[in-house]
Amino acid sequence: MRAFVVTGPRQGAIDEVPDPVANEGEAVVDVLRAGVCGTDVEFWNGEMAYLHQGHAGYPMRLGHEWCGVVSAVGLGVDAAWLGRRVTGDTMIGCGHCSRCTSGRHNVCANRIEIGIRGGAPGALAEQLAVPVAALLALPDGVDNTAGAMVEPGGNALRSVRAAALEPGERVLVLGTGTLGLLVAEFARADGVEVHVMGRSRQSLEFAATLGFAGVWQQAELPHLSWDAVIDASNAAELPALALDLVEPGKRVVYVGLAGHPSLIDTRSLALKDVTAVGILAASQGLAGTVEHYAAGYVDPRPLVAATVGLERAGDVLAGWRPDTASAGPKLHIDPRL
């Protein structure tokens, strides 16, 4: 099959690789759509921390936001999976440790991450092998575009849940990329007053079309009471700003990752009696995300600016956008094109 293989920083190409095989407990999925996210770009640029920590290395096959159709199943897998449209969890734990058995497989010390960690091939390819335990069936009301947005949506939903907001309360979301806008959408679906803060004028103009209560640059940010601040940015200075802005006794949630260390003053954290929560992975939010999309509470599709073929994967990772792209932040790849 064809797959996009990254061989080094800013180096990669489509290659012919062996077709995946459905081993015991696994399914092979024909990929219909795959998203490219900031983590993929960090691997492409050689900046991702896992490369320097020994958790990942080149050559590698990226792609952890995806949907597809099950085309083969391995021993012990119900044949009813065949022909189903699915998406899946990125985080594959060992299944035996205390973290896995307590529902925290996303932080299993021995986990692999599809398209990210431990050499597990990703979805920038025509096919993908996945443990069936990690699959989620997609209902008819969740099309391929939305199906490939379930993984980022799961991160966003977990972030909103971690903020512990009540209807009518006010949240400030830092970051107007895909993750920040999905966080904002899920918070609004819960009846929360949503404000977003971003940097580029283009991203702010697009965010304004989504109808949030406020869309701001930092210099324009109003002096309001923020019941939670959720940092979904990749800016190293914003975690400290989130802590400065949040109301005492409330919550800050950190789901965005900067390319280098971010610092907060733990004296402020303690003296303001603030709860800080970190979010890693979509795992516990995937099913809820599918439900939100299927019910129409959140529609992620306007965030997808364009869908292109696999041959443009390297260009997308390098920052290219087709001239016909809309203003949304996300680009999808369809390996069938």
C-alpha atoms as a PDB file:
ATOM      1  CA  MET A   1       0.000   0.000   0.000  1.00  0.00           C
ATOM      2  CA  ARG A   2       0.963   3.661  -0.216  1.00  0.00           C
ATOM      3  CA  ALA A   3       1.977   5.471   2.959  1.00  0.00           C
ATOM      4  CA  PHE A   4       3.660   8.776   3.724  1.00  0.00           C
ATOM      5  CA  VAL A   5       6.927   8.016   5.510  1.00  0.00           C
ATOM      6  CA  VAL A   6       8.888  10.674   7.418  1.00  0.00           C
ATOM      7  CA  THR A   7      12.586   9.816   7.265  1.00  0.00           C
ATOM      8  CA  GLY A   8      14.050  12.823   9.070  1.00  0.00           C
ATOM      9  CA  PRO A   9      13.389  16.465   9.937  1.00  0.00           C
ATOM     10  CA  ARG A  10      11.501  17.995   6.987  1.00  0.00           C
ATOM     11  CA  GLN A  11      12.137  14.868   4.922  1.00  0.00           C
ATOM     12  CA  GLY A  12       9.498  12.440   3.747  1.00  0.00           C
ATOM     13  CA  ALA A  13       7.774  10.926   0.758  1.00  0.00           C
ATOM     14  CA  ILE A  14       5.104   8.466  -0.288  1.00  0.00           C
ATOM     15  CA  ASP A  15       6.475   4.951  -0.210  1.00  0.00           C
ATOM     16  CA  GLU A  16       5.188   1.478  -1.007  1.00  0.00           C
ATOM     17  CA  VAL A  17       5.056  -0.413   2.301  1.00  0.00           C
ATOM     18  CA  PRO A  18       3.704  -3.870   3.203  1.00  0.00           C
ATOM     19  CA  ASP A  19      -0.057  -4.082   3.652  1.00  0.00           C
ATOM     20  CA  PRO A  20      -1.004  -4.260   7.334  1.00  0.00           C
ATOM     21  CA  VAL A  21      -2.199  -7.590   8.701  1.00  0.00           C
ATOM     22  CA  ALA A  22      -4.962  -8.007  11.262  1.00  0.00           C
ATOM     23  CA  ASN A  23      -3.288  -9.959  14.053  1.00  0.00           C
ATOM     24  CA  GLU A  24      -5.232 -11.489  16.918  1.00  0.00           C
ATOM     25  CA  GLY A  25      -7.526  -8.871  18.437  1.00  0.00           C
ATOM     26  CA  GLU A  26      -6.907  -6.394  15.613  1.00  0.00           C
ATOM     27  CA  ALA A  27      -8.730  -4.948  12.632  1.00  0.00           C
ATOM     28  CA  VAL A  28      -7.420  -3.456   9.399  1.00  0.00           C
ATOM     29  CA  VAL A  29      -9.079  -0.166   8.501  1.00  0.00           C
ATOM     30  CA  ASP A  30      -9.197   1.370   5.035  1.00  0.00           C
ATOM     31  CA  VAL A  31      -8.488   5.033   5.813  1.00  0.00           C
ATOM     32  CA  LEU A  32     -11.096   7.454   4.497  1.00  0.00           C
ATOM     33  CA  ARG A  33      -9.822  10.645   6.083  1.00  0.00           C
ATOM     34  CA  ALA A  34      -6.850  11.689   8.239  1.00  0.00           C
ATOM     35  CA  GLY A  35      -6.196  15.002   9.942  1.00  0.00           C
ATOM     36  CA  VAL A  36      -2.855  16.761  10.302  1.00  0.00           C
ATOM     37  CA  CYS A  37      -2.264  18.423  13.667  1.00  0.00           C
ATOM     38  CA  GLY A  38       0.416  20.364  15.494  1.00  0.00           C
ATOM     39  CA  THR A  39       1.978  17.207  16.922  1.00  0.00           C
ATOM     40  CA  ASP A  40       2.511  15.894  13.392  1.00  0.00           C
ATOM     41  CA  VAL A  41       4.134  19.181  12.417  1.00  0.00           C
ATOM     42  CA  GLU A  42       6.494  18.965  15.414  1.00  0.00           C
ATOM     43  CA  PHE A  43       7.601  15.509  14.284  1.00  0.00           C
ATOM     44  CA  TRP A  44       8.065  16.814  10.741  1.00  0.00           C
ATOM     45  CA  ASN A  45      10.207  19.671  12.041  1.00  0.00           C
ATOM     46  CA  GLY A  46      12.179  17.411  14.387  1.00  0.00           C
ATOM     47  CA  GLU A  47      11.016  19.333  17.482  1.00  0.00           C
ATOM     48  CA  MET A  48       8.667  16.830  19.141  1.00  0.00           C
ATOM     49  CA  ALA A  49       9.910  15.907  22.631  1.00  0.00           C
ATOM     50  CA  TYR A  50       9.373  12.169  22.056  1.00  0.00           C
ATOM     51  CA  LEU A  51      12.137  12.229  19.439  1.00  0.00           C
ATOM     52  CA  HIS A  52      14.604  13.431  22.056  1.00  0.00           C
ATOM     53  CA  GLN A  53      13.275  11.203  24.853  1.00  0.00           C
ATOM     54  CA  GLY A  54      13.619   7.955  22.915  1.00  0.00           C
ATOM     55  CA  HIS A  55       9.875   7.325  22.591  1.00  0.00           C
ATOM     56  CA  ALA A  56       9.853   7.850  18.816  1.00  0.00           C
ATOM     57  CA  GLY A  57      12.301   7.866  15.952  1.00  0.00           C
ATOM     58  CA  TYR A  58      12.601   8.044  12.201  1.00  0.00           C
ATOM     59  CA  PRO A  59      11.468   6.572   9.916  1.00  0.00           C
ATOM     60  CA  MET A  60       7.893   6.979  11.100  1.00  0.00           C
ATOM     61  CA  ARG A  61       4.368   7.139   9.723  1.00  0.00           C
ATOM     62  CA  LEU A  62       2.248   9.930  11.165  1.00  0.00           C
ATOM     63  CA  GLY A  63      -1.509  10.320  11.532  1.00  0.00           C
ATOM     64  CA  HIS A  64      -3.563   9.882  14.707  1.00  0.00           C
ATOM     65  CA  GLU A  65      -6.788  11.709  13.725  1.00  0.00           C
ATOM     66  CA  TRP A  66      -8.686   9.476  11.324  1.00  0.00           C
ATOM     67  CA  CYS A  67     -11.753   7.569  10.264  1.00  0.00           C
ATOM     68  CA  GLY A  68     -12.170   4.615   7.948  1.00  0.00           C
ATOM     69  CA  VAL A  69     -13.925   1.346   7.154  1.00  0.00           C
ATOM     70  CA  VAL A  70     -12.972  -2.015   8.654  1.00  0.00           C
ATOM     71  CA  SER A  71     -11.857  -4.298   5.819  1.00  0.00           C
ATOM     72  CA  ALA A  72     -10.336  -7.242   7.715  1.00  0.00           C
ATOM     73  CA  VAL A  73     -10.366  -8.657  11.237  1.00  0.00           C
ATOM     74  CA  GLY A  74      -8.004 -10.941  13.100  1.00  0.00           C
ATOM     75  CA  LEU A  75      -8.514 -13.988  15.258  1.00  0.00           C
ATOM     76  CA  GLY A  76     -10.991 -13.442  18.071  1.00  0.00           C
ATOM     77  CA  VAL A  77     -12.598 -10.338  16.545  1.00  0.00           C
ATOM     78  CA  ASP A  78     -16.339 -10.303  15.856  1.00  0.00           C
ATOM     79  CA  ALA A  79     -16.926 -10.348  12.098  1.00  0.00           C
ATOM     80  CA  ALA A  80     -19.699  -7.792  12.637  1.00  0.00           C
ATOM     81  CA  TRP A  81     -16.955  -5.140  12.580  1.00  0.00           C
ATOM     82  CA  LEU A  82     -16.417  -5.766   8.862  1.00  0.00           C
ATOM     83  CA  GLY A  83     -17.748  -2.883   6.763  1.00  0.00           C
ATOM     84  CA  ARG A  84     -18.279  -0.570   9.739  1.00  0.00           C
ATOM     85  CA  ARG A  85     -17.131   3.030   9.588  1.00  0.00           C
ATOM     86  CA  VAL A  86     -14.949   3.636  12.611  1.00  0.00           C
ATOM     87  CA  THR A  87     -12.503   5.904  14.329  1.00  0.00           C
ATOM     88  CA  GLY A  88     -10.228   4.943  17.185  1.00  0.00           C
ATOM     89  CA  ASP A  89      -8.207   5.767  20.252  1.00  0.00           C
ATOM     90  CA  THR A  90      -4.627   6.889  19.710  1.00  0.00           C
ATOM     91  CA  MET A  91      -3.432   5.566  23.075  1.00  0.00           C
ATOM     92  CA  ILE A  92      -2.860   1.828  23.297  1.00  0.00           C
ATOM     93  CA  GLY A  93      -1.916   0.752  26.812  1.00  0.00           C
ATOM     94  CA  CYS A  94      -0.390  -2.536  27.910  1.00  0.00           C
ATOM     95  CA  GLY A  95      -3.759  -3.572  29.372  1.00  0.00           C
ATOM     96  CA  HIS A  96      -2.284  -5.080  32.523  1.00  0.00           C
ATOM     97  CA  CYS A  97      -0.813  -2.341  34.718  1.00  0.00           C
ATOM     98  CA  SER A  98      -2.739  -0.492  37.433  1.00  0.00           C
ATOM     99  CA  ARG A  99      -3.126   2.538  35.194  1.00  0.00           C
ATOM    100  CA  CYS A 100      -4.727   0.516  32.419  1.00  0.00           C
ATOM    101  CA  THR A 101      -7.000  -1.461  34.710  1.00  0.00           C
ATOM    102  CA  SER A 102      -8.207   1.748  36.385  1.00  0.00           C
ATOM    103  CA  GLY A 103      -9.150   3.404  33.067  1.00  0.00           C
ATOM    104  CA  ARG A 104      -5.998   5.488  32.715  1.00  0.00           C
ATOM    105  CA  HIS A 105      -4.444   3.641  29.772  1.00  0.00           C
ATOM    106  CA  ASN A 106      -3.619   7.006  28.184  1.00  0.00           C
ATOM    107  CA  VAL A 107      -0.823   7.394  30.746  1.00  0.00           C
ATOM    108  CA  CYS A 108       0.360   3.767  30.735  1.00  0.00           C
ATOM    109  CA  ALA A 109       4.151   3.812  31.014  1.00  0.00           C
ATOM    110  CA  ASN A 110       4.400   1.181  28.281  1.00  0.00           C
ATOM    111  CA  ARG A 111       1.774   2.582  25.945  1.00  0.00           C
ATOM    112  CA  ILE A 112       2.158   3.017  22.251  1.00  0.00           C
ATOM    113  CA  GLU A 113       0.481   5.915  20.459  1.00  0.00           C
ATOM    114  CA  ILE A 114      -0.737   5.368  16.925  1.00  0.00           C
ATOM    115  CA  GLY A 115       1.263   7.544  14.562  1.00  0.00           C
ATOM    116  CA  ILE A 116       3.203   9.059  17.461  1.00  0.00           C
ATOM    117  CA  ARG A 117       4.996   6.803  19.935  1.00  0.00           C
ATOM    118  CA  GLY A 118       6.541   3.370  20.033  1.00  0.00           C
ATOM    119  CA  GLY A 119       6.749   2.855  16.277  1.00  0.00           C
ATOM    120  CA  ALA A 120       3.014   2.317  15.766  1.00  0.00           C
ATOM    121  CA  PRO A 121       2.217   3.270  12.137  1.00  0.00           C
ATOM    122  CA  GLY A 122      -0.283   6.090  11.660  1.00  0.00           C
ATOM    123  CA  ALA A 123      -3.111   6.917   9.303  1.00  0.00           C
ATOM    124  CA  LEU A 124      -1.299   8.894   6.604  1.00  0.00           C
ATOM    125  CA  ALA A 125      -1.622   5.734   4.553  1.00  0.00           C
ATOM    126  CA  GLU A 126      -4.183   3.742   2.654  1.00  0.00           C
ATOM    127  CA  GLN A 127      -4.678   1.291   5.528  1.00  0.00           C
ATOM    128  CA  LEU A 128      -4.113   1.094   9.269  1.00  0.00           C
ATOM    129  CA  ALA A 129      -4.046  -1.820  11.732  1.00  0.00           C
ATOM    130  CA  VAL A 130      -5.731  -1.067  15.076  1.00  0.00           C
ATOM    131  CA  PRO A 131      -6.580  -3.151  18.167  1.00  0.00           C
ATOM    132  CA  VAL A 132     -10.330  -3.658  17.984  1.00  0.00           C
ATOM    133  CA  ALA A 133     -10.620  -2.605  21.637  1.00  0.00           C
ATOM    134  CA  ALA A 134      -9.569   0.880  20.530  1.00  0.00           C
ATOM    135  CA  LEU A 135     -12.250   1.227  17.834  1.00  0.00           C
ATOM    136  CA  LEU A 136     -15.447   3.276  18.018  1.00  0.00           C
ATOM    137  CA  ALA A 137     -18.218   2.796  15.489  1.00  0.00           C
ATOM    138  CA  LEU A 138     -19.414   5.973  13.783  1.00  0.00           C
ATOM    139  CA  PRO A 139     -23.167   6.506  13.364  1.00  0.00           C
ATOM    140  CA  ASP A 140     -24.575   7.668  10.039  1.00  0.00           C
ATOM    141  CA  GLY A 141     -24.976  11.178  11.453  1.00  0.00           C
ATOM    142  CA  VAL A 142     -21.198  11.561  11.788  1.00  0.00           C
ATOM    143  CA  ASP A 143     -19.716  11.876   8.289  1.00  0.00           C
ATOM    144  CA  ASN A 144     -16.097  11.309   7.319  1.00  0.00           C
ATOM    145  CA  THR A 145     -15.068  14.896   7.993  1.00  0.00           C
ATOM    146  CA  ALA A 146     -16.521  14.821  11.493  1.00  0.00           C
ATOM    147  CA  GLY A 147     -15.260  11.271  12.017  1.00  0.00           C
ATOM    148  CA  ALA A 148     -11.660  12.395  11.578  1.00  0.00           C
ATOM    149  CA  MET A 149     -12.320  15.196  14.076  1.00  0.00           C
ATOM    150  CA  VAL A 150     -13.335  12.864  16.910  1.00  0.00           C
ATOM    151  CA  GLU A 151      -9.794  12.589  18.280  1.00  0.00           C
ATOM    152  CA  PRO A 152      -9.196  16.351  18.675  1.00  0.00           C
ATOM    153  CA  GLY A 153     -12.788  16.645  19.864  1.00  0.00           C
ATOM    154  CA  GLY A 154     -12.109  14.132  22.626  1.00  0.00           C
ATOM    155  CA  ASN A 155      -9.239  16.258  23.909  1.00  0.00           C
ATOM    156  CA  ALA A 156     -11.498  19.303  23.834  1.00  0.00           C
ATOM    157  CA  LEU A 157     -14.365  17.580  25.639  1.00  0.00           C
ATOM    158  CA  ARG A 158     -12.045  16.305  28.374  1.00  0.00           C
ATOM    159  CA  SER A 159     -10.684  19.839  28.808  1.00  0.00           C
ATOM    160  CA  VAL A 160     -14.165  21.302  29.231  1.00  0.00           C
ATOM    161  CA  ARG A 161     -15.133  18.598  31.708  1.00  0.00           C
ATOM    162  CA  ALA A 162     -11.935  19.271  33.674  1.00  0.00           C
ATOM    163  CA  ALA A 163     -12.896  22.948  33.952  1.00  0.00           C
ATOM    164  CA  ALA A 164     -15.996  21.912  35.961  1.00  0.00           C
ATOM    165  CA  LEU A 165     -18.091  24.807  34.661  1.00  0.00           C
ATOM    166  CA  GLU A 166     -21.772  25.370  35.318  1.00  0.00           C
ATOM    167  CA  PRO A 167     -24.242  26.760  32.741  1.00  0.00           C
ATOM    168  CA  GLY A 168     -24.057  30.551  32.743  1.00  0.00           C
ATOM    169  CA  GLU A 169     -20.456  30.688  33.940  1.00  0.00           C
ATOM    170  CA  ARG A 170     -17.740  32.246  31.820  1.00  0.00           C
ATOM    171  CA  VAL A 171     -14.671  30.615  30.279  1.00  0.00           C
ATOM    172  CA  LEU A 172     -11.697  32.068  28.462  1.00  0.00           C
ATOM    173  CA  VAL A 173     -10.072  29.773  25.889  1.00  0.00           C
ATOM    174  CA  LEU A 174      -6.498  30.609  24.908  1.00  0.00           C
ATOM    175  CA  GLY A 175      -5.751  29.604  21.327  1.00  0.00           C
ATOM    176  CA  THR A 176      -7.772  29.789  18.123  1.00  0.00           C
ATOM    177  CA  GLY A 177      -6.435  26.699  16.392  1.00  0.00           C
ATOM    178  CA  THR A 178      -8.459  23.533  15.936  1.00  0.00           C
ATOM    179  CA  LEU A 179      -8.159  22.458  19.564  1.00  0.00           C
ATOM    180  CA  GLY A 180      -9.029  25.854  21.024  1.00  0.00           C
ATOM    181  CA  LEU A 181     -12.060  26.268  18.798  1.00  0.00           C
ATOM    182  CA  LEU A 182     -13.298  22.765  19.617  1.00  0.00           C
ATOM    183  CA  VAL A 183     -12.881  23.515  23.331  1.00  0.00           C
ATOM    184  CA  ALA A 184     -14.938  26.654  22.806  1.00  0.00           C
ATOM    185  CA  GLU A 185     -17.629  24.730  20.906  1.00  0.00           C
ATOM    186  CA  PHE A 186     -17.980  22.054  23.594  1.00  0.00           C
ATOM    187  CA  ALA A 187     -18.106  24.659  26.362  1.00  0.00           C
ATOM    188  CA  ARG A 188     -20.838  26.570  24.549  1.00  0.00           C
ATOM    189  CA  ALA A 189     -22.797  23.338  24.132  1.00  0.00           C
ATOM    190  CA  ASP A 190     -22.817  23.133  27.934  1.00  0.00           C
ATOM    191  CA  GLY A 191     -24.421  26.572  28.240  1.00  0.00           C
ATOM    192  CA  VAL A 192     -21.217  28.373  29.175  1.00  0.00           C
ATOM    193  CA  GLU A 193     -20.411  31.948  28.074  1.00  0.00           C
ATOM    194  CA  VAL A 194     -17.373  31.474  25.848  1.00  0.00           C
ATOM    195  CA  HIS A 195     -14.600  33.934  25.020  1.00  0.00           C
ATOM    196  CA  VAL A 196     -11.529  33.048  22.962  1.00  0.00           C
ATOM    197  CA  MET A 197      -8.175  34.793  22.741  1.00  0.00           C
ATOM    198  CA  GLY A 198      -5.852  34.374  19.770  1.00  0.00           C
ATOM    199  CA  ARG A 199      -2.948  35.931  17.988  1.00  0.00           C
ATOM    200  CA  SER A 200      -3.315  36.073  14.224  1.00  0.00           C
ATOM    201  CA  ARG A 201      -5.945  38.310  12.711  1.00  0.00           C
ATOM    202  CA  GLN A 202      -6.974  35.625  10.229  1.00  0.00           C
ATOM    203  CA  SER A 203      -7.672  33.080  12.983  1.00  0.00           C
ATOM    204  CA  LEU A 204      -9.565  35.668  15.021  1.00  0.00           C
ATOM    205  CA  GLU A 205     -11.688  36.639  12.048  1.00  0.00           C
ATOM    206  CA  PHE A 206     -12.607  33.000  11.507  1.00  0.00           C
ATOM    207  CA  ALA A 207     -13.340  32.477  15.216  1.00  0.00           C
ATOM    208  CA  ALA A 208     -15.664  35.492  15.108  1.00  0.00           C
ATOM    209  CA  THR A 209     -17.812  33.732  12.496  1.00  0.00           C
ATOM    210  CA  LEU A 210     -18.565  30.944  14.989  1.00  0.00           C
ATOM    211  CA  GLY A 211     -20.633  33.200  17.229  1.00  0.00           C
ATOM    212  CA  PHE A 212     -18.819  33.126  20.564  1.00  0.00           C
ATOM    213  CA  ALA A 213     -19.513  35.803  23.164  1.00  0.00           C
ATOM    214  CA  GLY A 214     -16.119  37.411  22.624  1.00  0.00           C
ATOM    215  CA  VAL A 215     -13.078  37.024  20.375  1.00  0.00           C
ATOM    216  CA  TRP A 216     -10.000  38.938  21.491  1.00  0.00           C
ATOM    217  CA  GLN A 217      -6.364  39.672  21.034  1.00  0.00           C
ATOM    218  CA  GLN A 218      -4.467  39.821  24.328  1.00  0.00           C
ATOM    219  CA  ALA A 219      -4.156  43.613  24.306  1.00  0.00           C
ATOM    220  CA  GLU A 220      -7.938  43.941  23.892  1.00  0.00           C
ATOM    221  CA  LEU A 221      -8.953  41.371  26.498  1.00  0.00           C
ATOM    222  CA  PRO A 222     -11.659  42.847  28.767  1.00  0.00           C
ATOM    223  CA  HIS A 223     -11.395  42.805  32.561  1.00  0.00           C
ATOM    224  CA  LEU A 224     -13.977  40.119  33.254  1.00  0.00           C
ATOM    225  CA  SER A 225     -14.302  37.407  35.858  1.00  0.00           C
ATOM    226  CA  TRP A 226     -13.111  34.134  34.308  1.00  0.00           C
ATOM    227  CA  ASP A 227     -14.581  31.061  36.011  1.00  0.00           C
ATOM    228  CA  ALA A 228     -12.080  28.935  34.119  1.00  0.00           C
ATOM    229  CA  VAL A 229      -9.224  29.522  31.698  1.00  0.00           C
ATOM    230  CA  ILE A 230      -8.335  26.720  29.281  1.00  0.00           C
ATOM    231  CA  ASP A 231      -4.967  26.992  27.561  1.00  0.00           C
ATOM    232  CA  ALA A 232      -5.187  25.247  24.181  1.00  0.00           C
ATOM    233  CA  SER A 233      -2.308  27.199  22.650  1.00  0.00           C
ATOM    234  CA  ASN A 234       1.298  26.336  21.838  1.00  0.00           C
ATOM    235  CA  ALA A 235       2.688  29.558  23.322  1.00  0.00           C
ATOM    236  CA  ALA A 236       5.114  29.079  26.213  1.00  0.00           C
ATOM    237  CA  GLU A 237       4.041  32.284  27.959  1.00  0.00           C
ATOM    238  CA  LEU A 238       0.297  31.599  28.091  1.00  0.00           C
ATOM    239  CA  PRO A 239       0.151  29.028  30.919  1.00  0.00           C
ATOM    240  CA  ALA A 240       1.314  31.772  33.295  1.00  0.00           C
ATOM    241  CA  LEU A 241      -1.236  34.186  31.858  1.00  0.00           C
ATOM    242  CA  ALA A 242      -3.994  31.624  32.386  1.00  0.00           C
ATOM    243  CA  LEU A 243      -3.101  31.438  36.061  1.00  0.00           C
ATOM    244  CA  ASP A 244      -2.985  35.230  36.348  1.00  0.00           C
ATOM    245  CA  LEU A 245      -6.423  35.652  34.761  1.00  0.00           C
ATOM    246  CA  VAL A 246      -8.504  32.931  36.399  1.00  0.00           C
ATOM    247  CA  GLU A 247     -10.743  33.765  39.348  1.00  0.00           C
ATOM    248  CA  PRO A 248      -9.414  32.660  42.761  1.00  0.00           C
ATOM    249  CA  GLY A 249     -10.757  29.276  43.770  1.00  0.00           C
ATOM    250  CA  LYS A 250     -11.475  28.294  40.162  1.00  0.00           C
ATOM    251  CA  ARG A 251      -9.688  26.171  37.559  1.00  0.00           C
ATOM    252  CA  VAL A 252      -7.065  26.390  34.847  1.00  0.00           C
ATOM    253  CA  VAL A 253      -6.796  23.578  32.327  1.00  0.00           C
ATOM    254  CA  TYR A 254      -3.667  22.947  30.291  1.00  0.00           C
ATOM    255  CA  VAL A 255      -4.180  20.970  27.073  1.00  0.00           C
ATOM    256  CA  GLY A 256      -1.903  22.849  24.655  1.00  0.00           C
ATOM    257  CA  LEU A 257       1.827  22.141  24.494  1.00  0.00           C
ATOM    258  CA  ALA A 258       4.582  24.590  23.670  1.00  0.00           C
ATOM    259  CA  GLY A 259       7.773  23.663  21.861  1.00  0.00           C
ATOM    260  CA  HIS A 260       9.812  24.571  24.937  1.00  0.00           C
ATOM    261  CA  PRO A 261       9.152  24.627  28.696  1.00  0.00           C
ATOM    262  CA  SER A 262       6.370  26.782  30.109  1.00  0.00           C
ATOM    263  CA  LEU A 263       6.677  28.241  33.593  1.00  0.00           C
ATOM    264  CA  ILE A 264       4.030  29.124  36.175  1.00  0.00           C
ATOM    265  CA  ASP A 265       4.476  30.622  39.634  1.00  0.00           C
ATOM    266  CA  THR A 266       3.207  27.993  42.052  1.00  0.00           C
ATOM    267  CA  ARG A 267       2.927  30.702  44.717  1.00  0.00           C
ATOM    268  CA  SER A 268       0.119  32.209  42.667  1.00  0.00           C
ATOM    269  CA  LEU A 269      -1.438  28.787  42.256  1.00  0.00           C
ATOM    270  CA  ALA A 270      -1.490  28.258  46.025  1.00  0.00           C
ATOM    271  CA  LEU A 271      -2.342  31.779  47.119  1.00  0.00           C
ATOM    272  CA  LYS A 272      -5.259  31.971  44.674  1.00  0.00           C
ATOM    273  CA  ASP A 273      -6.415  28.474  45.701  1.00  0.00           C
ATOM    274  CA  VAL A 274      -6.575  27.526  42.017  1.00  0.00           C
ATOM    275  CA  THR A 275      -6.910  23.977  40.711  1.00  0.00           C
ATOM    276  CA  ALA A 276      -4.681  23.239  37.708  1.00  0.00           C
ATOM    277  CA  VAL A 277      -5.471  20.244  35.498  1.00  0.00           C
ATOM    278  CA  GLY A 278      -3.395  18.754  32.694  1.00  0.00           C
ATOM    279  CA  ILE A 279      -4.998  16.860  29.820  1.00  0.00           C
ATOM    280  CA  LEU A 280      -3.232  14.173  27.805  1.00  0.00           C
ATOM    281  CA  ALA A 281      -5.166  12.486  25.021  1.00  0.00           C
ATOM    282  CA  ALA A 282      -8.751  12.085  23.962  1.00  0.00           C
ATOM    283  CA  SER A 283      -9.288   8.565  25.272  1.00  0.00           C
ATOM    284  CA  GLN A 284     -11.948   9.159  27.929  1.00  0.00           C
ATOM    285  CA  GLY A 285     -13.692  11.769  25.763  1.00  0.00           C
ATOM    286  CA  LEU A 286     -14.038   9.867  22.487  1.00  0.00           C
ATOM    287  CA  ALA A 287     -17.458   8.307  23.050  1.00  0.00           C
ATOM    288  CA  GLY A 288     -18.885  11.582  24.344  1.00  0.00           C
ATOM    289  CA  THR A 289     -17.513  13.400  21.324  1.00  0.00           C
ATOM    290  CA  VAL A 290     -19.226  11.010  18.925  1.00  0.00           C
ATOM    291  CA  GLU A 291     -22.476  11.568  20.839  1.00  0.00           C
ATOM    292  CA  HIS A 292     -22.115  15.365  20.663  1.00  0.00           C
ATOM    293  CA  TYR A 293     -21.402  15.266  16.934  1.00  0.00           C
ATOM    294  CA  ALA A 294     -24.232  12.828  16.177  1.00  0.00           C
ATOM    295  CA  ALA A 295     -26.733  14.916  18.138  1.00  0.00           C
ATOM    296  CA  GLY A 296     -25.622  18.153  16.463  1.00  0.00           C
ATOM    297  CA  TYR A 297     -24.571  19.807  19.719  1.00  0.00           C
ATOM    298  CA  VAL A 298     -21.124  20.437  18.208  1.00  0.00           C
ATOM    299  CA  ASP A 299     -20.358  20.575  14.470  1.00  0.00           C
ATOM    300  CA  PRO A 300     -16.607  20.373  13.803  1.00  0.00           C
ATOM    301  CA  ARG A 301     -16.852  20.437  10.017  1.00  0.00           C
ATOM    302  CA  PRO A 302     -16.543  24.221   9.506  1.00  0.00           C
ATOM    303  CA  LEU A 303     -13.071  23.983  11.056  1.00  0.00           C
ATOM    304  CA  VAL A 304     -11.832  21.812   8.161  1.00  0.00           C
ATOM    305  CA  ALA A 305     -10.536  24.136   5.467  1.00  0.00           C
ATOM    306  CA  ALA A 306      -9.789  21.582   2.743  1.00  0.00           C
ATOM    307  CA  THR A 307      -9.205  17.921   1.981  1.00  0.00           C
ATOM    308  CA  VAL A 308      -6.304  16.937  -0.267  1.00  0.00           C
ATOM    309  CA  GLY A 309      -4.634  13.757  -1.481  1.00  0.00           C
ATOM    310  CA  LEU A 310      -1.848  11.800   0.167  1.00  0.00           C
ATOM    311  CA  GLU A 311       0.718  13.187  -2.268  1.00  0.00           C
ATOM    312  CA  ARG A 312       0.352  16.611  -0.593  1.00  0.00           C
ATOM    313  CA  ALA A 313       1.050  15.298   2.934  1.00  0.00           C
ATOM    314  CA  GLY A 314       4.578  16.698   3.043  1.00  0.00           C
ATOM    315  CA  ASP A 315       3.401  20.058   1.763  1.00  0.00           C
ATOM    316  CA  VAL A 316       0.676  20.215   4.416  1.00  0.00           C
ATOM    317  CA  LEU A 317       3.180  19.354   7.150  1.00  0.00           C
ATOM    318  CA  ALA A 318       5.419  22.140   5.854  1.00  0.00           C
ATOM    319  CA  GLY A 319       2.608  24.688   6.112  1.00  0.00           C
ATOM    320  CA  TRP A 320       1.099  24.680   2.623  1.00  0.00           C
ATOM    321  CA  ARG A 321      -2.584  25.426   2.166  1.00  0.00           C
ATOM    322  CA  PRO A 322      -4.435  25.061  -1.137  1.00  0.00           C
ATOM    323  CA  ASP A 323      -5.700  28.258  -2.729  1.00  0.00           C
ATOM    324  CA  THR A 324      -9.239  26.902  -2.494  1.00  0.00           C
ATOM    325  CA  ALA A 325      -9.043  26.341   1.282  1.00  0.00           C
ATOM    326  CA  SER A 326     -11.581  28.053   3.503  1.00  0.00           C
ATOM    327  CA  ALA A 327     -10.510  29.977   6.603  1.00  0.00           C
ATOM    328  CA  GLY A 328     -10.715  27.020   9.018  1.00  0.00           C
ATOM    329  CA  PRO A 329      -7.546  25.852  10.763  1.00  0.00           C
ATOM    330  CA  LYS A 330      -7.607  22.123   9.896  1.00  0.00           C
ATOM    331  CA  LEU A 331      -6.502  20.285   6.760  1.00  0.00           C
ATOM    332  CA  HIS A 332      -7.539  16.714   6.030  1.00  0.00           C
ATOM    333  CA  ILE A 333      -5.958  14.101   3.806  1.00  0.00           C
ATOM    334  CA  ASP A 334      -7.923  11.495   1.872  1.00  0.00           C
ATOM    335  CA  PRO A 335      -5.542   8.681   0.854  1.00  0.00           C
ATOM    336  CA  ARG A 336      -7.945   7.615  -1.894  1.00  0.00           C
ATOM    337  CA  LEU A 337      -7.441  10.864  -3.835  1.00  0.00           C
END
